[in-house]
N, C-alpha and C. Protein backbone atom coordinates (compact mmCIF):
# COMPACT_ATOMS: atom_id res chain seq x y z
N MET A 1 -6.26 51.50 10.12
CA MET A 1 -6.37 50.42 11.04
C MET A 1 -4.99 49.95 11.46
N ASN A 2 -4.74 49.86 12.77
CA ASN A 2 -3.44 49.38 13.20
C ASN A 2 -3.40 47.85 13.25
N PHE A 3 -2.23 47.33 13.50
CA PHE A 3 -1.99 45.90 13.44
C PHE A 3 -2.84 45.18 14.50
N ARG A 4 -2.89 45.74 15.71
CA ARG A 4 -3.59 45.09 16.83
C ARG A 4 -5.08 44.94 16.53
N SER A 5 -5.71 45.98 15.99
CA SER A 5 -7.12 45.89 15.66
C SER A 5 -7.37 44.94 14.49
N PHE A 6 -6.42 44.93 13.52
CA PHE A 6 -6.54 44.01 12.39
C PHE A 6 -6.49 42.58 12.91
N MET A 7 -5.59 42.28 13.84
CA MET A 7 -5.46 40.94 14.40
C MET A 7 -6.76 40.58 15.14
N ALA A 8 -7.28 41.50 15.92
CA ALA A 8 -8.46 41.23 16.68
C ALA A 8 -9.68 40.96 15.80
N GLN A 9 -9.79 41.61 14.69
CA GLN A 9 -10.90 41.39 13.75
C GLN A 9 -10.73 40.10 12.94
N ASN A 10 -9.54 39.64 12.78
CA ASN A 10 -9.27 38.48 11.90
C ASN A 10 -8.72 37.27 12.65
N ASP A 11 -8.92 37.25 13.96
CA ASP A 11 -8.31 36.12 14.74
C ASP A 11 -8.84 34.77 14.32
N THR A 12 -10.06 34.66 13.92
CA THR A 12 -10.63 33.40 13.44
C THR A 12 -9.94 32.92 12.18
N TYR A 13 -9.64 33.83 11.31
CA TYR A 13 -8.98 33.48 10.05
C TYR A 13 -7.52 33.07 10.33
N PHE A 14 -6.87 33.68 11.27
CA PHE A 14 -5.48 33.30 11.63
C PHE A 14 -5.53 31.90 12.25
N PHE A 15 -6.55 31.61 13.08
CA PHE A 15 -6.66 30.28 13.65
C PHE A 15 -6.85 29.23 12.58
N ILE A 16 -7.76 29.56 11.62
CA ILE A 16 -7.97 28.62 10.48
C ILE A 16 -6.72 28.47 9.65
N LEU A 17 -5.95 29.54 9.48
CA LEU A 17 -4.66 29.50 8.78
C LEU A 17 -3.73 28.54 9.42
N TRP A 18 -3.50 28.66 10.70
CA TRP A 18 -2.56 27.78 11.43
C TRP A 18 -3.07 26.29 11.39
N PHE A 19 -4.35 26.15 11.62
CA PHE A 19 -4.99 24.81 11.55
C PHE A 19 -4.75 24.18 10.18
N GLY A 20 -4.96 24.97 9.15
CA GLY A 20 -4.75 24.45 7.77
C GLY A 20 -3.31 24.15 7.46
N VAL A 21 -2.36 24.96 7.92
CA VAL A 21 -0.95 24.72 7.69
C VAL A 21 -0.49 23.43 8.39
N VAL A 22 -0.92 23.25 9.62
CA VAL A 22 -0.57 22.02 10.36
C VAL A 22 -1.15 20.77 9.71
N PHE A 23 -2.44 20.78 9.31
CA PHE A 23 -3.04 19.63 8.67
C PHE A 23 -2.36 19.33 7.33
N ALA A 24 -2.10 20.38 6.54
CA ALA A 24 -1.44 20.18 5.24
C ALA A 24 -0.04 19.60 5.44
N LEU A 25 0.70 20.10 6.45
CA LEU A 25 2.04 19.64 6.68
C LEU A 25 2.01 18.16 7.13
N VAL A 26 1.13 17.77 8.06
CA VAL A 26 1.05 16.39 8.50
C VAL A 26 0.68 15.46 7.35
N GLY A 27 -0.30 15.85 6.53
CA GLY A 27 -0.69 15.06 5.40
C GLY A 27 0.46 14.89 4.41
N PHE A 28 1.15 15.98 4.14
CA PHE A 28 2.27 15.95 3.18
C PHE A 28 3.39 15.06 3.73
N LEU A 29 3.70 15.10 5.02
CA LEU A 29 4.76 14.27 5.58
C LEU A 29 4.41 12.78 5.47
N PHE A 30 3.18 12.43 5.79
CA PHE A 30 2.75 11.02 5.67
C PHE A 30 2.83 10.52 4.20
N LEU A 31 2.32 11.39 3.30
CA LEU A 31 2.34 10.99 1.88
C LEU A 31 3.78 10.86 1.36
N SER A 32 4.66 11.78 1.73
CA SER A 32 6.06 11.69 1.23
C SER A 32 6.80 10.52 1.81
N GLN A 33 6.50 10.20 3.08
CA GLN A 33 7.13 9.04 3.72
C GLN A 33 6.74 7.72 3.00
N ASP A 34 5.46 7.62 2.63
CA ASP A 34 4.98 6.45 1.95
C ASP A 34 5.63 6.32 0.55
N LYS A 35 5.73 7.49 -0.15
CA LYS A 35 6.32 7.46 -1.49
C LYS A 35 7.81 7.14 -1.41
N LYS A 36 8.49 7.67 -0.40
CA LYS A 36 9.93 7.36 -0.21
C LYS A 36 10.18 5.89 0.04
N LYS A 37 9.32 5.27 0.89
CA LYS A 37 9.49 3.85 1.17
C LYS A 37 9.26 3.06 -0.13
N LYS A 38 8.27 3.38 -0.93
CA LYS A 38 8.05 2.67 -2.14
C LYS A 38 9.19 2.85 -3.15
N ARG A 39 9.79 3.98 -3.15
CA ARG A 39 10.88 4.26 -4.08
C ARG A 39 12.18 3.50 -3.69
N HIS A 40 12.38 3.33 -2.37
CA HIS A 40 13.56 2.68 -1.90
C HIS A 40 13.45 1.15 -1.84
N CYS A 41 12.25 0.67 -1.65
CA CYS A 41 12.06 -0.78 -1.51
C CYS A 41 11.85 -1.40 -2.91
N THR A 42 12.95 -1.85 -3.45
CA THR A 42 12.94 -2.35 -4.85
C THR A 42 13.15 -3.85 -4.98
N VAL A 43 13.54 -4.51 -3.94
CA VAL A 43 13.81 -5.95 -3.99
C VAL A 43 12.62 -6.73 -3.51
N GLU A 44 12.19 -7.71 -4.29
CA GLU A 44 11.06 -8.55 -3.93
C GLU A 44 11.49 -9.85 -3.38
N VAL A 45 10.97 -10.19 -2.18
CA VAL A 45 11.28 -11.51 -1.55
C VAL A 45 9.95 -12.07 -1.10
N THR A 46 9.94 -13.33 -0.72
CA THR A 46 8.75 -14.01 -0.21
C THR A 46 8.81 -14.04 1.29
N GLY A 47 7.73 -13.59 1.92
CA GLY A 47 7.61 -13.65 3.36
C GLY A 47 6.72 -14.83 3.71
N VAL A 48 7.11 -15.58 4.77
CA VAL A 48 6.41 -16.78 5.17
C VAL A 48 5.81 -16.50 6.55
N PHE A 49 4.54 -16.93 6.71
CA PHE A 49 3.86 -16.70 8.00
C PHE A 49 4.69 -17.30 9.14
N ASP A 50 4.91 -16.50 10.23
CA ASP A 50 5.67 -16.96 11.36
C ASP A 50 4.81 -17.14 12.61
N HIS A 51 4.09 -16.11 12.98
CA HIS A 51 3.25 -16.17 14.20
C HIS A 51 2.28 -14.98 14.20
N PHE A 52 1.40 -14.96 15.19
CA PHE A 52 0.45 -13.85 15.35
C PHE A 52 0.86 -13.01 16.56
N ASN A 53 0.75 -11.69 16.41
CA ASN A 53 0.75 -10.83 17.57
C ASN A 53 -0.67 -10.65 17.99
N GLN A 54 -0.95 -10.79 19.32
CA GLN A 54 -2.29 -10.62 19.79
C GLN A 54 -2.41 -9.32 20.51
N ARG A 55 -3.59 -8.72 20.33
CA ARG A 55 -3.84 -7.45 21.08
C ARG A 55 -5.35 -7.34 21.28
N TYR A 56 -5.72 -6.60 22.31
CA TYR A 56 -7.10 -6.38 22.56
C TYR A 56 -7.49 -5.00 22.08
N SER A 57 -8.72 -4.95 21.48
CA SER A 57 -9.14 -3.69 20.88
C SER A 57 -10.65 -3.48 21.20
N ASN A 58 -11.00 -2.23 21.49
CA ASN A 58 -12.44 -1.91 21.62
C ASN A 58 -12.84 -0.87 20.56
N ARG A 59 -12.01 -0.76 19.55
CA ARG A 59 -12.25 0.22 18.47
C ARG A 59 -13.53 -0.16 17.73
N GLY A 60 -14.41 0.78 17.57
CA GLY A 60 -15.64 0.54 16.85
C GLY A 60 -16.73 -0.11 17.74
N LYS A 61 -16.44 -0.32 18.98
CA LYS A 61 -17.41 -0.93 19.87
C LYS A 61 -17.91 0.10 20.83
N SER A 62 -19.12 0.63 20.59
CA SER A 62 -19.65 1.72 21.43
C SER A 62 -20.10 1.24 22.78
N ASP A 63 -20.32 -0.09 22.95
CA ASP A 63 -20.79 -0.62 24.21
C ASP A 63 -19.62 -1.01 25.14
N GLY A 64 -18.38 -0.76 24.77
CA GLY A 64 -17.24 -1.00 25.63
C GLY A 64 -16.70 -2.41 25.51
N ARG A 65 -17.24 -3.27 24.67
CA ARG A 65 -16.74 -4.60 24.51
C ARG A 65 -15.29 -4.58 24.02
N VAL A 66 -14.52 -5.53 24.42
CA VAL A 66 -13.15 -5.67 23.97
C VAL A 66 -13.01 -6.97 23.17
N VAL A 67 -12.35 -6.87 22.05
CA VAL A 67 -12.20 -8.00 21.13
C VAL A 67 -10.76 -8.33 20.97
N LEU A 68 -10.46 -9.65 20.95
CA LEU A 68 -9.08 -10.07 20.72
C LEU A 68 -8.80 -9.99 19.21
N MET A 69 -7.75 -9.26 18.85
CA MET A 69 -7.37 -9.10 17.43
C MET A 69 -5.99 -9.77 17.20
N TYR A 70 -5.79 -10.21 16.02
CA TYR A 70 -4.53 -10.87 15.65
C TYR A 70 -3.89 -10.10 14.48
N ASN A 71 -2.58 -9.90 14.57
CA ASN A 71 -1.79 -9.32 13.45
C ASN A 71 -0.78 -10.43 13.01
N PRO A 72 -0.89 -10.90 11.77
CA PRO A 72 0.11 -11.85 11.30
C PRO A 72 1.49 -11.24 11.21
N VAL A 73 2.48 -11.99 11.59
CA VAL A 73 3.90 -11.59 11.45
C VAL A 73 4.56 -12.54 10.47
N TYR A 74 5.24 -11.97 9.46
CA TYR A 74 5.88 -12.76 8.45
C TYR A 74 7.39 -12.69 8.55
N ARG A 75 8.04 -13.75 8.25
CA ARG A 75 9.49 -13.82 8.29
C ARG A 75 10.01 -13.88 6.86
N TYR A 76 11.12 -13.15 6.60
CA TYR A 76 11.71 -13.20 5.28
C TYR A 76 13.22 -13.16 5.39
N GLN A 77 13.93 -13.63 4.39
CA GLN A 77 15.39 -13.67 4.41
C GLN A 77 15.90 -12.78 3.29
N TYR A 78 17.08 -12.18 3.58
CA TYR A 78 17.74 -11.39 2.53
C TYR A 78 19.25 -11.44 2.94
N ASN A 79 20.09 -11.83 1.99
CA ASN A 79 21.52 -11.98 2.21
C ASN A 79 21.83 -12.82 3.45
N ASP A 80 21.13 -13.94 3.54
CA ASP A 80 21.30 -14.91 4.65
C ASP A 80 21.01 -14.33 6.03
N GLN A 81 20.24 -13.32 6.11
CA GLN A 81 19.80 -12.74 7.40
C GLN A 81 18.29 -12.85 7.47
N ASP A 82 17.79 -13.12 8.67
CA ASP A 82 16.32 -13.20 8.92
C ASP A 82 15.82 -11.85 9.33
N PHE A 83 14.64 -11.54 8.84
CA PHE A 83 13.90 -10.29 9.21
C PHE A 83 12.46 -10.66 9.37
N SER A 84 11.72 -9.79 10.06
CA SER A 84 10.31 -10.02 10.18
C SER A 84 9.54 -8.74 9.95
N ILE A 85 8.29 -8.89 9.52
CA ILE A 85 7.47 -7.72 9.27
C ILE A 85 6.03 -8.03 9.76
N LYS A 86 5.46 -7.09 10.46
CA LYS A 86 4.10 -7.28 10.99
C LYS A 86 3.12 -6.73 9.96
N SER A 87 2.10 -7.54 9.70
CA SER A 87 1.06 -7.12 8.77
C SER A 87 0.27 -5.95 9.37
N GLY A 88 -0.16 -5.04 8.53
CA GLY A 88 -1.04 -3.96 9.01
C GLY A 88 -2.50 -4.39 9.10
N LYS A 89 -2.82 -5.61 8.70
CA LYS A 89 -4.17 -6.09 8.74
C LYS A 89 -4.47 -6.74 10.04
N ASN A 90 -5.56 -6.38 10.64
CA ASN A 90 -6.02 -7.02 11.87
C ASN A 90 -7.09 -8.05 11.48
N THR A 91 -7.11 -9.15 12.19
CA THR A 91 -8.13 -10.14 11.92
C THR A 91 -8.62 -10.65 13.27
N ARG A 92 -9.87 -11.07 13.33
CA ARG A 92 -10.44 -11.66 14.55
C ARG A 92 -10.34 -13.17 14.53
N HIS A 93 -9.94 -13.72 13.40
CA HIS A 93 -9.87 -15.17 13.27
C HIS A 93 -8.49 -15.56 12.80
N ILE A 94 -7.88 -16.48 13.47
CA ILE A 94 -6.47 -16.81 13.09
C ILE A 94 -6.34 -17.55 11.81
N TYR A 95 -7.43 -18.04 11.25
CA TYR A 95 -7.34 -18.73 9.93
C TYR A 95 -7.48 -17.70 8.80
N ASP A 96 -7.72 -16.45 9.06
CA ASP A 96 -7.78 -15.42 8.00
C ASP A 96 -6.39 -14.86 7.66
N CYS A 97 -5.48 -15.76 7.41
CA CYS A 97 -4.08 -15.28 7.24
C CYS A 97 -3.53 -16.00 6.01
N ARG A 98 -2.81 -15.25 5.23
CA ARG A 98 -2.13 -15.85 4.08
C ARG A 98 -0.85 -16.51 4.58
N GLN A 99 -0.50 -17.63 3.97
CA GLN A 99 0.73 -18.30 4.43
C GLN A 99 2.02 -17.68 3.83
N GLU A 100 1.88 -17.07 2.65
CA GLU A 100 3.01 -16.41 2.02
C GLU A 100 2.55 -15.04 1.45
N VAL A 101 3.46 -14.08 1.57
CA VAL A 101 3.20 -12.77 1.02
C VAL A 101 4.43 -12.26 0.29
N THR A 102 4.21 -11.31 -0.58
CA THR A 102 5.34 -10.65 -1.28
C THR A 102 5.79 -9.46 -0.41
N VAL A 103 7.10 -9.46 -0.05
CA VAL A 103 7.66 -8.38 0.74
C VAL A 103 8.60 -7.57 -0.17
N MET A 104 8.40 -6.30 -0.20
CA MET A 104 9.31 -5.40 -0.93
C MET A 104 10.23 -4.78 0.13
N LEU A 105 11.55 -4.88 -0.14
CA LEU A 105 12.50 -4.38 0.87
C LEU A 105 13.54 -3.46 0.23
N ASN A 106 14.13 -2.64 1.07
CA ASN A 106 15.22 -1.75 0.69
C ASN A 106 16.51 -2.53 0.73
N PRO A 107 17.25 -2.70 -0.40
CA PRO A 107 18.45 -3.48 -0.38
C PRO A 107 19.52 -2.91 0.49
N ASP A 108 19.51 -1.61 0.73
CA ASP A 108 20.56 -1.00 1.60
C ASP A 108 20.19 -1.18 3.06
N VAL A 109 18.90 -1.20 3.42
CA VAL A 109 18.42 -1.38 4.79
C VAL A 109 17.31 -2.43 4.72
N PRO A 110 17.65 -3.72 4.78
CA PRO A 110 16.66 -4.77 4.55
C PRO A 110 15.54 -4.80 5.56
N SER A 111 15.71 -4.20 6.72
CA SER A 111 14.62 -4.17 7.69
C SER A 111 13.53 -3.16 7.32
N GLU A 112 13.86 -2.25 6.34
CA GLU A 112 12.82 -1.30 5.85
C GLU A 112 12.09 -2.04 4.73
N SER A 113 10.83 -2.33 4.99
CA SER A 113 10.07 -3.14 4.05
C SER A 113 8.58 -2.86 4.15
N TYR A 114 7.80 -3.41 3.22
CA TYR A 114 6.38 -3.38 3.26
C TYR A 114 5.85 -4.59 2.56
N ILE A 115 4.59 -4.95 2.89
CA ILE A 115 3.95 -6.10 2.27
C ILE A 115 3.23 -5.61 1.04
N ALA A 116 3.62 -6.11 -0.15
CA ALA A 116 3.13 -5.59 -1.42
C ALA A 116 1.63 -5.81 -1.59
N GLU A 117 1.08 -6.88 -1.07
CA GLU A 117 -0.36 -7.11 -1.27
C GLU A 117 -1.26 -6.19 -0.44
N GLU A 118 -0.71 -5.59 0.57
CA GLU A 118 -1.51 -4.69 1.40
C GLU A 118 -1.57 -3.31 0.83
N LYS A 119 -2.77 -2.82 0.73
CA LYS A 119 -2.99 -1.44 0.26
C LYS A 119 -2.45 -0.46 1.30
N ASN A 120 -1.61 0.43 0.87
CA ASN A 120 -1.16 1.46 1.84
C ASN A 120 -2.26 2.42 2.02
N PHE A 121 -2.43 2.81 3.27
CA PHE A 121 -3.56 3.65 3.62
C PHE A 121 -3.19 5.11 3.42
N VAL A 122 -3.37 5.61 2.21
CA VAL A 122 -3.01 7.00 1.87
C VAL A 122 -4.22 7.90 1.82
N LEU A 123 -5.38 7.35 2.00
CA LEU A 123 -6.59 8.19 1.87
C LEU A 123 -6.67 9.24 2.97
N ILE A 124 -6.43 8.87 4.23
CA ILE A 124 -6.53 9.85 5.33
C ILE A 124 -5.44 10.96 5.18
N PRO A 125 -4.13 10.57 4.93
CA PRO A 125 -3.15 11.63 4.69
C PRO A 125 -3.50 12.55 3.54
N ALA A 126 -4.08 11.95 2.47
CA ALA A 126 -4.46 12.79 1.34
C ALA A 126 -5.61 13.75 1.72
N ILE A 127 -6.57 13.27 2.44
CA ILE A 127 -7.69 14.14 2.92
C ILE A 127 -7.13 15.25 3.83
N LEU A 128 -6.23 14.86 4.76
CA LEU A 128 -5.61 15.85 5.66
C LEU A 128 -4.89 16.96 4.86
N PHE A 129 -4.14 16.53 3.83
CA PHE A 129 -3.39 17.49 3.03
C PHE A 129 -4.34 18.42 2.28
N ILE A 130 -5.35 17.84 1.62
CA ILE A 130 -6.28 18.66 0.83
C ILE A 130 -7.09 19.57 1.69
N ALA A 131 -7.59 19.06 2.82
CA ALA A 131 -8.39 19.92 3.77
C ALA A 131 -7.51 21.01 4.33
N GLY A 132 -6.27 20.72 4.68
CA GLY A 132 -5.37 21.71 5.23
C GLY A 132 -5.04 22.75 4.18
N LEU A 133 -4.81 22.36 2.99
CA LEU A 133 -4.54 23.32 1.90
C LEU A 133 -5.79 24.23 1.63
N ALA A 134 -6.95 23.62 1.64
CA ALA A 134 -8.20 24.41 1.41
C ALA A 134 -8.38 25.40 2.55
N ALA A 135 -8.16 24.98 3.79
CA ALA A 135 -8.35 25.89 4.93
C ALA A 135 -7.32 27.00 4.91
N THR A 136 -6.08 26.68 4.50
CA THR A 136 -5.05 27.72 4.39
C THR A 136 -5.40 28.76 3.32
N LEU A 137 -5.83 28.29 2.14
CA LEU A 137 -6.19 29.20 1.08
C LEU A 137 -7.43 29.99 1.43
N TYR A 138 -8.41 29.41 2.04
CA TYR A 138 -9.62 30.11 2.50
C TYR A 138 -9.27 31.25 3.43
N SER A 139 -8.47 30.96 4.43
CA SER A 139 -8.14 31.99 5.40
C SER A 139 -7.26 33.06 4.81
N LEU A 140 -6.31 32.68 3.92
CA LEU A 140 -5.47 33.66 3.29
C LEU A 140 -6.27 34.67 2.46
N VAL A 141 -7.28 34.18 1.76
CA VAL A 141 -8.11 35.08 0.95
C VAL A 141 -8.74 36.17 1.84
N PHE A 142 -9.31 35.76 2.99
CA PHE A 142 -9.93 36.71 3.87
C PHE A 142 -8.91 37.63 4.59
N ILE A 143 -7.77 37.12 4.90
CA ILE A 143 -6.74 37.92 5.55
C ILE A 143 -6.20 38.98 4.56
N ILE A 144 -5.96 38.56 3.35
CA ILE A 144 -5.47 39.53 2.36
C ILE A 144 -6.56 40.58 2.03
N LYS A 145 -7.79 40.09 1.95
CA LYS A 145 -8.94 41.00 1.73
C LYS A 145 -8.97 42.04 2.79
N GLY A 146 -8.76 41.59 4.06
CA GLY A 146 -8.79 42.56 5.16
C GLY A 146 -7.64 43.54 5.14
N LEU A 147 -6.50 43.09 4.64
CA LEU A 147 -5.34 43.98 4.52
C LEU A 147 -5.55 45.06 3.43
N ILE A 148 -6.26 44.65 2.37
CA ILE A 148 -6.47 45.62 1.26
C ILE A 148 -7.46 46.67 1.69
N ASN A 149 -8.48 46.25 2.42
CA ASN A 149 -9.55 47.23 2.83
C ASN A 149 -9.07 48.10 3.91
C-alpha cells in the first residue's frame, strides 16, 4: 500500500488526530496559565467594592430576551498604588455583591491578580485536555494499526 492510498483510507483518523491535538493543546494552555497565575500571586490584600460594570446578555435565553447583568469591580492598593479587578461573577441584582474580597496579587506585577474567593473555572479546560488526549490516542491506535497491516 502506498502513502496516498493509506491517507485516503485513514483520513477520518487523521482528522480526529488533529482535532484531538488542538483540543488537548488548548486545554493544556488554559490549565497552565491558571496554575502559573496561582504560583506567582502570593501577596494577599483586601479588595473593596468600587462599582459595577453593566452589560447586556442573552446567554441561556432561547426566546431572545436580553438581561442586564452586573460585574462587581473591586479596588485594591499595593505599595501606595491603586489597582482594580473585575469579578468573574455575573449577577442580575446589584445587592448580590460582597463589599470586601481577598485579592491575591503578583508582587512583581501588582496588576496581575485574582479574587481568592472565586472558584477558578478549570473544569472546561480539563475536559478539553482529557477529550483531546483521548481523541489523539484513539486515532493513533488506528493509524498505527493501519501502518502495521
